[in-house]
All heavy atoms as atom14 arrays in JSON, in Angstrom:
{
  "sequence": "SPEKLAARKKRTLQKLHRDDAETAAMARFDAAETAVRGGGVTAETAPI",
  "atom14_mask": [
    [1, 1, 1, 1, 1, 1, 0, 0, 0, 0, 0, 0, 0, 0],
    [1, 1, 1, 1, 1, 1, 1, 0, 0, 0, 0, 0, 0, 0],
    [1, 1, 1, 1, 1, 1, 1, 1, 1, 0, 0, 0, 0, 0],
    [1, 1, 1, 1, 1, 1, 1, 1, 1, 0, 0, 0, 0, 0],
    [1, 1, 1, 1, 1, 1, 1, 1, 0, 0, 0, 0, 0, 0],
    [1, 1, 1, 1, 1, 0, 0, 0, 0, 0, 0, 0, 0, 0],
    [1, 1, 1, 1, 1, 0, 0, 0, 0, 0, 0, 0, 0, 0],
    [1, 1, 1, 1, 1, 1, 1, 1, 1, 1, 1, 0, 0, 0],
    [1, 1, 1, 1, 1, 1, 1, 1, 1, 0, 0, 0, 0, 0],
    [1, 1, 1, 1, 1, 1, 1, 1, 1, 0, 0, 0, 0, 0],
    [1, 1, 1, 1, 1, 1, 1, 1, 1, 1, 1, 0, 0, 0],
    [1, 1, 1, 1, 1, 1, 1, 0, 0, 0, 0, 0, 0, 0],
    [1, 1, 1, 1, 1, 1, 1, 1, 0, 0, 0, 0, 0, 0],
    [1, 1, 1, 1, 1, 1, 1, 1, 1, 0, 0, 0, 0, 0],
    [1, 1, 1, 1, 1, 1, 1, 1, 1, 0, 0, 0, 0, 0],
    [1, 1, 1, 1, 1, 1, 1, 1, 0, 0, 0, 0, 0, 0],
    [1, 1, 1, 1, 1, 1, 1, 1, 1, 1, 0, 0, 0, 0],
    [1, 1, 1, 1, 1, 1, 1, 1, 1, 1, 1, 0, 0, 0],
    [1, 1, 1, 1, 1, 1, 1, 1, 0, 0, 0, 0, 0, 0],
    [1, 1, 1, 1, 1, 1, 1, 1, 0, 0, 0, 0, 0, 0],
    [1, 1, 1, 1, 1, 0, 0, 0, 0, 0, 0, 0, 0, 0],
    [1, 1, 1, 1, 1, 1, 1, 1, 1, 0, 0, 0, 0, 0],
    [1, 1, 1, 1, 1, 1, 1, 0, 0, 0, 0, 0, 0, 0],
    [1, 1, 1, 1, 1, 0, 0, 0, 0, 0, 0, 0, 0, 0],
    [1, 1, 1, 1, 1, 0, 0, 0, 0, 0, 0, 0, 0, 0],
    [1, 1, 1, 1, 1, 1, 1, 1, 0, 0, 0, 0, 0, 0],
    [1, 1, 1, 1, 1, 0, 0, 0, 0, 0, 0, 0, 0, 0],
    [1, 1, 1, 1, 1, 1, 1, 1, 1, 1, 1, 0, 0, 0],
    [1, 1, 1, 1, 1, 1, 1, 1, 1, 1, 1, 0, 0, 0],
    [1, 1, 1, 1, 1, 1, 1, 1, 0, 0, 0, 0, 0, 0],
    [1, 1, 1, 1, 1, 0, 0, 0, 0, 0, 0, 0, 0, 0],
    [1, 1, 1, 1, 1, 0, 0, 0, 0, 0, 0, 0, 0, 0],
    [1, 1, 1, 1, 1, 1, 1, 1, 1, 0, 0, 0, 0, 0],
    [1, 1, 1, 1, 1, 1, 1, 0, 0, 0, 0, 0, 0, 0],
    [1, 1, 1, 1, 1, 0, 0, 0, 0, 0, 0, 0, 0, 0],
    [1, 1, 1, 1, 1, 1, 1, 0, 0, 0, 0, 0, 0, 0],
    [1, 1, 1, 1, 1, 1, 1, 1, 1, 1, 1, 0, 0, 0],
    [1, 1, 1, 1, 0, 0, 0, 0, 0, 0, 0, 0, 0, 0],
    [1, 1, 1, 1, 0, 0, 0, 0, 0, 0, 0, 0, 0, 0],
    [1, 1, 1, 1, 0, 0, 0, 0, 0, 0, 0, 0, 0, 0],
    [1, 1, 1, 1, 1, 1, 1, 0, 0, 0, 0, 0, 0, 0],
    [1, 1, 1, 1, 1, 1, 1, 0, 0, 0, 0, 0, 0, 0],
    [1, 1, 1, 1, 1, 0, 0, 0, 0, 0, 0, 0, 0, 0],
    [1, 1, 1, 1, 1, 1, 1, 1, 1, 0, 0, 0, 0, 0],
    [1, 1, 1, 1, 1, 1, 1, 0, 0, 0, 0, 0, 0, 0],
    [1, 1, 1, 1, 1, 0, 0, 0, 0, 0, 0, 0, 0, 0],
    [1, 1, 1, 1, 1, 1, 1, 0, 0, 0, 0, 0, 0, 0],
    [1, 1, 1, 1, 1, 1, 1, 1, 0, 0, 0, 0, 0, 0]
  ],
  "atom14_positions": [
    [[45.24, 33.39, 100.0], [45.93, 34.27, 100.94], [47.39, 34.41, 100.51], [47.93, 33.54, 99.84], [45.84, 33.71, 102.35], [46.56, 32.5, 102.42], [0.0, 0.0, 0.0], [0.0, 0.0, 0.0], [0.0, 0.0, 0.0], [0.0, 0.0, 0.0], [0.0, 0.0, 0.0], [0.0, 0.0, 0.0], [0.0, 0.0, 0.0], [0.0, 0.0, 0.0]],
    [[48.05, 35.51, 100.91], [49.46, 35.69, 100.55], [50.36, 34.57, 101.07], [51.34, 34.21, 100.44], [49.83, 37.03, 101.2], [48.55, 37.75, 101.39], [47.51, 36.69, 101.57], [0.0, 0.0, 0.0], [0.0, 0.0, 0.0], [0.0, 0.0, 0.0], [0.0, 0.0, 0.0], [0.0, 0.0, 0.0], [0.0, 0.0, 0.0], [0.0, 0.0, 0.0]],
    [[49.98, 33.99, 102.22], [50.78, 32.89, 102.77], [50.71, 31.66, 101.86], [51.72, 30.99, 101.62], [50.28, 32.5, 104.18], [50.41, 33.59, 105.22], [49.21, 34.52, 105.22], [48.09, 34.11, 104.87], [49.41, 35.7, 105.55], [0.0, 0.0, 0.0], [0.0, 0.0, 0.0], [0.0, 0.0, 0.0], [0.0, 0.0, 0.0], [0.0, 0.0, 0.0]],
    [[49.52, 31.37, 101.34], [49.37, 30.23, 100.44], [50.13, 30.46, 99.14], [50.74, 29.56, 98.6], [47.9, 29.97, 100.13], [47.23, 29.03, 101.07], [45.88, 28.63, 100.52], [45.24, 27.61, 101.42], [43.93, 27.2, 100.94], [0.0, 0.0, 0.0], [0.0, 0.0, 0.0], [0.0, 0.0, 0.0], [0.0, 0.0, 0.0], [0.0, 0.0, 0.0]],
    [[50.04, 31.69, 98.64], [50.74, 32.01, 97.39], [52.26, 31.89, 97.57], [52.97, 31.42, 96.68], [50.39, 33.41, 96.91], [49.0, 33.56, 96.3], [48.71, 35.03, 96.02], [48.88, 32.75, 95.04], [0.0, 0.0, 0.0], [0.0, 0.0, 0.0], [0.0, 0.0, 0.0], [0.0, 0.0, 0.0], [0.0, 0.0, 0.0], [0.0, 0.0, 0.0]],
    [[52.76, 32.32, 98.72], [54.2, 32.24, 98.98], [54.64, 30.79, 99.15], [55.74, 30.41, 98.76], [54.56, 33.05, 100.21], [0.0, 0.0, 0.0], [0.0, 0.0, 0.0], [0.0, 0.0, 0.0], [0.0, 0.0, 0.0], [0.0, 0.0, 0.0], [0.0, 0.0, 0.0], [0.0, 0.0, 0.0], [0.0, 0.0, 0.0], [0.0, 0.0, 0.0]],
    [[53.77, 29.97, 99.75], [54.11, 28.58, 99.99], [54.09, 27.75, 98.71], [54.79, 26.75, 98.58], [53.15, 27.96, 101.0], [0.0, 0.0, 0.0], [0.0, 0.0, 0.0], [0.0, 0.0, 0.0], [0.0, 0.0, 0.0], [0.0, 0.0, 0.0], [0.0, 0.0, 0.0], [0.0, 0.0, 0.0], [0.0, 0.0, 0.0], [0.0, 0.0, 0.0]],
    [[53.3, 28.19, 97.77], [53.2, 27.45, 96.52], [54.42, 27.76, 95.65], [54.66, 28.9, 95.28], [51.92, 27.86, 95.78], [51.72, 27.11, 94.5], [50.5, 27.62, 93.81], [49.38, 26.78, 94.2], [48.19, 26.89, 93.68], [47.95, 27.82, 92.8], [47.23, 26.08, 94.05], [0.0, 0.0, 0.0], [0.0, 0.0, 0.0], [0.0, 0.0, 0.0]],
    [[55.2, 26.76, 95.37], [56.4, 26.95, 94.57], [56.13, 26.48, 93.15], [55.39, 25.53, 92.93], [57.56, 26.13, 95.13], [58.05, 26.6, 96.47], [59.19, 25.76, 96.94], [59.67, 26.2, 98.3], [60.75, 25.37, 98.8], [0.0, 0.0, 0.0], [0.0, 0.0, 0.0], [0.0, 0.0, 0.0], [0.0, 0.0, 0.0], [0.0, 0.0, 0.0]],
    [[56.76, 27.15, 92.21], [56.62, 26.73, 90.83], [57.54, 25.54, 90.63], [58.74, 25.61, 90.83], [57.01, 27.87, 89.89], [56.77, 27.54, 88.45], [57.04, 28.73, 87.57], [56.79, 28.35, 86.13], [57.02, 29.47, 85.25], [0.0, 0.0, 0.0], [0.0, 0.0, 0.0], [0.0, 0.0, 0.0], [0.0, 0.0, 0.0], [0.0, 0.0, 0.0]],
    [[56.95, 24.45, 90.22], [57.72, 23.22, 90.03], [57.99, 23.04, 88.55], [57.1, 23.16, 87.72], [56.95, 22.03, 90.58], [56.76, 22.13, 92.07], [56.13, 20.88, 92.62], [56.04, 21.0, 94.06], [54.92, 20.91, 94.74], [53.8, 20.65, 94.12], [54.91, 21.04, 96.04], [0.0, 0.0, 0.0], [0.0, 0.0, 0.0], [0.0, 0.0, 0.0]],
    [[59.24, 22.74, 88.24], [59.59, 22.48, 86.85], [59.71, 20.99, 86.64], [60.05, 20.24, 87.55], [60.92, 23.15, 86.48], [61.93, 22.66, 87.36], [60.83, 24.66, 86.62], [0.0, 0.0, 0.0], [0.0, 0.0, 0.0], [0.0, 0.0, 0.0], [0.0, 0.0, 0.0], [0.0, 0.0, 0.0], [0.0, 0.0, 0.0], [0.0, 0.0, 0.0]],
    [[59.45, 20.56, 85.43], [59.58, 19.15, 85.1], [61.05, 18.81, 84.92], [61.83, 19.6, 84.4], [58.82, 18.83, 83.82], [57.31, 18.98, 83.9], [56.69, 18.76, 82.53], [56.74, 17.98, 84.89], [0.0, 0.0, 0.0], [0.0, 0.0, 0.0], [0.0, 0.0, 0.0], [0.0, 0.0, 0.0], [0.0, 0.0, 0.0], [0.0, 0.0, 0.0]],
    [[61.4, 17.61, 85.32], [62.76, 17.16, 85.15], [62.97, 16.82, 83.68], [62.18, 16.1, 83.07], [63.01, 15.92, 86.0], [64.4, 15.37, 85.86], [64.58, 14.09, 86.68], [63.64, 13.6, 87.28], [65.77, 13.56, 86.67], [0.0, 0.0, 0.0], [0.0, 0.0, 0.0], [0.0, 0.0, 0.0], [0.0, 0.0, 0.0], [0.0, 0.0, 0.0]],
    [[64.04, 17.34, 83.1], [64.34, 17.06, 81.7], [65.26, 15.84, 81.65], [66.26, 15.78, 82.34], [65.02, 18.25, 81.04], [64.11, 19.44, 80.94], [64.78, 20.59, 80.24], [63.84, 21.78, 80.18], [64.46, 22.93, 79.55], [0.0, 0.0, 0.0], [0.0, 0.0, 0.0], [0.0, 0.0, 0.0], [0.0, 0.0, 0.0], [0.0, 0.0, 0.0]],
    [[64.88, 14.91, 80.84], [65.67, 13.69, 80.69], [66.59, 13.82, 79.47], [66.17, 14.24, 78.41], [64.75, 12.48, 80.52], [63.81, 12.21, 81.69], [62.89, 11.06, 81.33], [64.6, 11.85, 82.92], [0.0, 0.0, 0.0], [0.0, 0.0, 0.0], [0.0, 0.0, 0.0], [0.0, 0.0, 0.0], [0.0, 0.0, 0.0], [0.0, 0.0, 0.0]],
    [[67.86, 13.46, 79.64], [68.81, 13.45, 78.54], [69.12, 12.01, 78.2], [69.67, 11.27, 79.01], [70.11, 14.18, 78.94], [69.86, 15.61, 79.3], [69.57, 16.58, 78.36], [69.83, 16.24, 80.5], [69.4, 17.73, 78.96], [69.54, 17.56, 80.27], [0.0, 0.0, 0.0], [0.0, 0.0, 0.0], [0.0, 0.0, 0.0], [0.0, 0.0, 0.0]],
    [[68.75, 11.62, 77.01], [68.98, 10.24, 76.6], [70.33, 10.12, 75.9], [70.77, 11.02, 75.2], [67.88, 9.77, 75.66], [66.53, 9.75, 76.32], [65.52, 9.31, 75.29], [64.2, 9.35, 75.87], [63.46, 8.28, 76.1], [63.92, 7.1, 75.8], [62.27, 8.39, 76.62], [0.0, 0.0, 0.0], [0.0, 0.0, 0.0], [0.0, 0.0, 0.0]],
    [[70.94, 8.96, 76.08], [72.18, 8.67, 75.35], [71.83, 8.28, 73.92], [70.74, 7.81, 73.63], [72.93, 7.51, 76.01], [73.41, 7.88, 77.4], [73.66, 9.06, 77.64], [73.52, 6.96, 78.21], [0.0, 0.0, 0.0], [0.0, 0.0, 0.0], [0.0, 0.0, 0.0], [0.0, 0.0, 0.0], [0.0, 0.0, 0.0], [0.0, 0.0, 0.0]],
    [[72.79, 8.44, 73.02], [72.56, 8.05, 71.64], [72.27, 6.56, 71.53], [71.5, 6.11, 70.69], [73.77, 8.41, 70.77], [73.91, 9.91, 70.61], [72.91, 10.62, 70.8], [75.02, 10.36, 70.31], [0.0, 0.0, 0.0], [0.0, 0.0, 0.0], [0.0, 0.0, 0.0], [0.0, 0.0, 0.0], [0.0, 0.0, 0.0], [0.0, 0.0, 0.0]],
    [[72.9, 5.75, 72.37], [72.72, 4.3, 72.31], [71.29, 3.92, 72.68], [70.76, 2.94, 72.17], [73.7, 3.61, 73.25], [0.0, 0.0, 0.0], [0.0, 0.0, 0.0], [0.0, 0.0, 0.0], [0.0, 0.0, 0.0], [0.0, 0.0, 0.0], [0.0, 0.0, 0.0], [0.0, 0.0, 0.0], [0.0, 0.0, 0.0], [0.0, 0.0, 0.0]],
    [[70.66, 4.69, 73.53], [69.3, 4.36, 73.95], [68.28, 4.66, 72.87], [67.25, 4.02, 72.79], [68.92, 5.16, 75.19], [69.64, 4.74, 76.44], [69.18, 5.57, 77.6], [68.19, 5.19, 78.23], [69.81, 6.61, 77.84], [0.0, 0.0, 0.0], [0.0, 0.0, 0.0], [0.0, 0.0, 0.0], [0.0, 0.0, 0.0], [0.0, 0.0, 0.0]],
    [[68.56, 5.64, 72.0], [67.57, 6.06, 71.03], [67.84, 5.52, 69.63], [67.12, 5.85, 68.71], [67.51, 7.59, 70.96], [68.81, 8.08, 70.63], [67.05, 8.17, 72.28], [0.0, 0.0, 0.0], [0.0, 0.0, 0.0], [0.0, 0.0, 0.0], [0.0, 0.0, 0.0], [0.0, 0.0, 0.0], [0.0, 0.0, 0.0], [0.0, 0.0, 0.0]],
    [[68.86, 4.71, 69.44], [69.14, 4.15, 68.12], [68.03, 3.19, 67.72], [67.48, 2.46, 68.54], [70.48, 3.43, 68.12], [0.0, 0.0, 0.0], [0.0, 0.0, 0.0], [0.0, 0.0, 0.0], [0.0, 0.0, 0.0], [0.0, 0.0, 0.0], [0.0, 0.0, 0.0], [0.0, 0.0, 0.0], [0.0, 0.0, 0.0], [0.0, 0.0, 0.0]],
    [[67.7, 3.18, 66.42], [66.65, 2.3, 65.93], [67.12, 0.85, 66.01], [68.24, 0.52, 65.64], [66.32, 2.67, 64.49], [0.0, 0.0, 0.0], [0.0, 0.0, 0.0], [0.0, 0.0, 0.0], [0.0, 0.0, 0.0], [0.0, 0.0, 0.0], [0.0, 0.0, 0.0], [0.0, 0.0, 0.0], [0.0, 0.0, 0.0], [0.0, 0.0, 0.0]],
    [[66.25, 0.02, 66.47], [66.56, -1.4, 66.58], [65.79, -2.14, 65.5], [64.6, -1.91, 65.32], [66.15, -1.94, 67.96], [66.83, -1.23, 69.12], [68.61, -1.4, 69.13], [68.75, -3.09, 69.62], [0.0, 0.0, 0.0], [0.0, 0.0, 0.0], [0.0, 0.0, 0.0], [0.0, 0.0, 0.0], [0.0, 0.0, 0.0], [0.0, 0.0, 0.0]],
    [[66.46, -3.04, 64.77], [65.81, -3.8, 63.72], [65.26, -5.1, 64.27], [65.72, -5.62, 65.27], [66.82, -4.1, 62.61], [0.0, 0.0, 0.0], [0.0, 0.0, 0.0], [0.0, 0.0, 0.0], [0.0, 0.0, 0.0], [0.0, 0.0, 0.0], [0.0, 0.0, 0.0], [0.0, 0.0, 0.0], [0.0, 0.0, 0.0], [0.0, 0.0, 0.0]],
    [[64.26, -5.62, 63.57], [63.69, -6.9, 63.94], [64.66, -8.0, 63.53], [65.21, -7.98, 62.43], [62.35, -7.08, 63.24], [61.62, -8.32, 63.7], [60.31, -8.44, 63.03], [60.54, -8.92, 61.68], [59.71, -8.81, 60.67], [58.58, -8.19, 60.85], [59.99, -9.27, 59.49], [0.0, 0.0, 0.0], [0.0, 0.0, 0.0], [0.0, 0.0, 0.0]],
    [[64.87, -8.94, 64.39], [65.79, -10.04, 64.11], [65.02, -11.18, 63.46], [64.01, -11.63, 63.98], [66.46, -10.51, 65.41], [67.4, -11.66, 65.21], [68.65, -11.46, 64.65], [67.03, -12.95, 65.54], [69.51, -12.5, 64.45], [67.89, -14.0, 65.35], [69.14, -13.79, 64.8], [0.0, 0.0, 0.0], [0.0, 0.0, 0.0], [0.0, 0.0, 0.0]],
    [[65.49, -11.63, 62.3], [64.88, -12.74, 61.6], [65.94, -13.8, 61.4], [66.9, -13.6, 60.65], [64.32, -12.27, 60.27], [63.48, -13.33, 59.56], [63.31, -14.41, 60.14], [63.01, -13.05, 58.45], [0.0, 0.0, 0.0], [0.0, 0.0, 0.0], [0.0, 0.0, 0.0], [0.0, 0.0, 0.0], [0.0, 0.0, 0.0], [0.0, 0.0, 0.0]],
    [[65.81, -14.95, 62.06], [66.82, -16.01, 62.01], [66.98, -16.57, 60.61], [68.09, -16.88, 60.17], [66.47, -17.12, 62.98], [0.0, 0.0, 0.0], [0.0, 0.0, 0.0], [0.0, 0.0, 0.0], [0.0, 0.0, 0.0], [0.0, 0.0, 0.0], [0.0, 0.0, 0.0], [0.0, 0.0, 0.0], [0.0, 0.0, 0.0], [0.0, 0.0, 0.0]],
    [[65.89, -16.72, 59.86], [65.97, -17.27, 58.51], [66.76, -16.34, 57.59], [67.57, -16.79, 56.78], [64.57, -17.5, 57.95], [0.0, 0.0, 0.0], [0.0, 0.0, 0.0], [0.0, 0.0, 0.0], [0.0, 0.0, 0.0], [0.0, 0.0, 0.0], [0.0, 0.0, 0.0], [0.0, 0.0, 0.0], [0.0, 0.0, 0.0], [0.0, 0.0, 0.0]],
    [[66.55, -15.05, 57.72], [67.25, -14.09, 56.88], [68.73, -14.06, 57.23], [69.58, -13.95, 56.35], [66.63, -12.7, 57.1], [67.14, -11.66, 56.13], [66.45, -10.34, 56.33], [65.22, -10.3, 56.54], [67.16, -9.32, 56.29], [0.0, 0.0, 0.0], [0.0, 0.0, 0.0], [0.0, 0.0, 0.0], [0.0, 0.0, 0.0], [0.0, 0.0, 0.0]],
    [[69.07, -14.21, 58.46], [70.46, -14.21, 58.89], [71.18, -15.43, 58.34], [72.32, -15.34, 57.87], [70.54, -14.21, 60.43], [69.8, -13.11, 60.91], [71.97, -14.08, 60.9], [0.0, 0.0, 0.0], [0.0, 0.0, 0.0], [0.0, 0.0, 0.0], [0.0, 0.0, 0.0], [0.0, 0.0, 0.0], [0.0, 0.0, 0.0], [0.0, 0.0, 0.0]],
    [[70.53, -16.58, 58.33], [71.15, -17.81, 57.81], [71.41, -17.7, 56.32], [72.42, -18.18, 55.82], [70.26, -19.0, 58.11], [0.0, 0.0, 0.0], [0.0, 0.0, 0.0], [0.0, 0.0, 0.0], [0.0, 0.0, 0.0], [0.0, 0.0, 0.0], [0.0, 0.0, 0.0], [0.0, 0.0, 0.0], [0.0, 0.0, 0.0], [0.0, 0.0, 0.0]],
    [[70.49, -17.07, 55.58], [70.66, -16.93, 54.13], [71.8, -15.98, 53.82], [72.61, -16.23, 52.93], [69.34, -16.44, 53.48], [69.55, -16.09, 52.03], [68.28, -17.5, 53.63], [0.0, 0.0, 0.0], [0.0, 0.0, 0.0], [0.0, 0.0, 0.0], [0.0, 0.0, 0.0], [0.0, 0.0, 0.0], [0.0, 0.0, 0.0], [0.0, 0.0, 0.0]],
    [[71.9, -14.88, 54.5], [72.95, -13.9, 54.24], [74.32, -14.39, 54.7], [75.33, -13.93, 54.23], [72.65, -12.6, 54.96], [71.57, -11.79, 54.31], [71.54, -10.45, 54.98], [70.38, -9.69, 54.53], [70.01, -8.57, 55.04], [70.71, -8.04, 56.02], [68.98, -7.93, 54.58], [0.0, 0.0, 0.0], [0.0, 0.0, 0.0], [0.0, 0.0, 0.0]],
    [[74.3, -15.23, 55.71], [75.57, -15.72, 56.22], [76.23, -14.78, 57.19], [77.42, -14.86, 57.42], [0.0, 0.0, 0.0], [0.0, 0.0, 0.0], [0.0, 0.0, 0.0], [0.0, 0.0, 0.0], [0.0, 0.0, 0.0], [0.0, 0.0, 0.0], [0.0, 0.0, 0.0], [0.0, 0.0, 0.0], [0.0, 0.0, 0.0], [0.0, 0.0, 0.0]],
    [[75.52, -13.92, 57.74], [76.12, -12.99, 58.7], [75.06, -12.43, 59.62], [73.88, -12.77, 59.54], [0.0, 0.0, 0.0], [0.0, 0.0, 0.0], [0.0, 0.0, 0.0], [0.0, 0.0, 0.0], [0.0, 0.0, 0.0], [0.0, 0.0, 0.0], [0.0, 0.0, 0.0], [0.0, 0.0, 0.0], [0.0, 0.0, 0.0], [0.0, 0.0, 0.0]],
    [[75.46, -11.59, 60.5], [74.55, -10.99, 61.46], [73.82, -9.8, 60.87], [74.29, -9.18, 59.92], [0.0, 0.0, 0.0], [0.0, 0.0, 0.0], [0.0, 0.0, 0.0], [0.0, 0.0, 0.0], [0.0, 0.0, 0.0], [0.0, 0.0, 0.0], [0.0, 0.0, 0.0], [0.0, 0.0, 0.0], [0.0, 0.0, 0.0], [0.0, 0.0, 0.0]],
    [[72.71, -9.52, 61.4], [71.94, -8.36, 60.96], [72.36, -7.18, 61.82], [72.38, -7.27, 63.04], [70.42, -8.63, 61.12], [69.63, -7.4, 60.72], [70.01, -9.82, 60.31], [0.0, 0.0, 0.0], [0.0, 0.0, 0.0], [0.0, 0.0, 0.0], [0.0, 0.0, 0.0], [0.0, 0.0, 0.0], [0.0, 0.0, 0.0], [0.0, 0.0, 0.0]],
    [[72.67, -6.08, 61.21], [73.04, -4.87, 61.95], [72.01, -3.8, 61.66], [71.19, -3.93, 60.76], [74.44, -4.37, 61.52], [74.37, -4.0, 60.14], [75.49, -5.44, 61.72], [0.0, 0.0, 0.0], [0.0, 0.0, 0.0], [0.0, 0.0, 0.0], [0.0, 0.0, 0.0], [0.0, 0.0, 0.0], [0.0, 0.0, 0.0], [0.0, 0.0, 0.0]],
    [[72.08, -2.73, 62.41], [71.13, -1.64, 62.23], [71.3, -1.0, 60.85], [70.37, -0.44, 60.3], [71.32, -0.59, 63.32], [0.0, 0.0, 0.0], [0.0, 0.0, 0.0], [0.0, 0.0, 0.0], [0.0, 0.0, 0.0], [0.0, 0.0, 0.0], [0.0, 0.0, 0.0], [0.0, 0.0, 0.0], [0.0, 0.0, 0.0], [0.0, 0.0, 0.0]],
    [[72.52, -1.08, 60.24], [72.75, -0.48, 58.95], [72.24, -1.36, 57.81], [71.84, -0.86, 56.76], [74.25, -0.21, 58.74], [74.82, 0.89, 59.63], [75.16, 0.39, 61.03], [75.42, -0.81, 61.2], [75.13, 1.2, 61.96], [0.0, 0.0, 0.0], [0.0, 0.0, 0.0], [0.0, 0.0, 0.0], [0.0, 0.0, 0.0], [0.0, 0.0, 0.0]],
    [[72.28, -2.69, 57.95], [71.95, -3.58, 56.84], [70.5, -4.04, 56.85], [69.96, -4.4, 55.81], [72.85, -4.83, 56.86], [72.64, -5.52, 58.09], [74.29, -4.45, 56.68], [0.0, 0.0, 0.0], [0.0, 0.0, 0.0], [0.0, 0.0, 0.0], [0.0, 0.0, 0.0], [0.0, 0.0, 0.0], [0.0, 0.0, 0.0], [0.0, 0.0, 0.0]],
    [[69.84, -4.07, 57.98], [68.48, -4.6, 58.04], [67.46, -3.49, 57.85], [67.66, -2.37, 58.3], [68.25, -5.27, 59.39], [0.0, 0.0, 0.0], [0.0, 0.0, 0.0], [0.0, 0.0, 0.0], [0.0, 0.0, 0.0], [0.0, 0.0, 0.0], [0.0, 0.0, 0.0], [0.0, 0.0, 0.0], [0.0, 0.0, 0.0], [0.0, 0.0, 0.0]],
    [[66.38, -3.82, 57.15], [65.31, -2.82, 57.02], [64.59, -2.66, 58.36], [64.47, -3.6, 59.12], [64.37, -3.43, 55.98], [64.61, -4.9, 56.07], [66.06, -5.06, 56.46], [0.0, 0.0, 0.0], [0.0, 0.0, 0.0], [0.0, 0.0, 0.0], [0.0, 0.0, 0.0], [0.0, 0.0, 0.0], [0.0, 0.0, 0.0], [0.0, 0.0, 0.0]],
    [[64.12, -1.46, 58.6], [63.39, -1.2, 59.84], [61.92, -1.48, 59.57], [61.31, -0.86, 58.72], [63.59, 0.25, 60.32], [65.07, 0.49, 60.6], [62.72, 0.54, 61.54], [65.4, 1.91, 60.96], [0.0, 0.0, 0.0], [0.0, 0.0, 0.0], [0.0, 0.0, 0.0], [0.0, 0.0, 0.0], [0.0, 0.0, 0.0], [0.0, 0.0, 0.0]]
  ]
}
């Protein structure tokens, strides 16, 4: 019926905006590898 069609609203999905910090690749932490290198593992130095 026209009443049902008018009552039915088109719903849009909410778009999520992620921050860059949330989507950065995280590397696996290996304590043995950190001890050998003598420093911390960062996203730039560790293999993914």
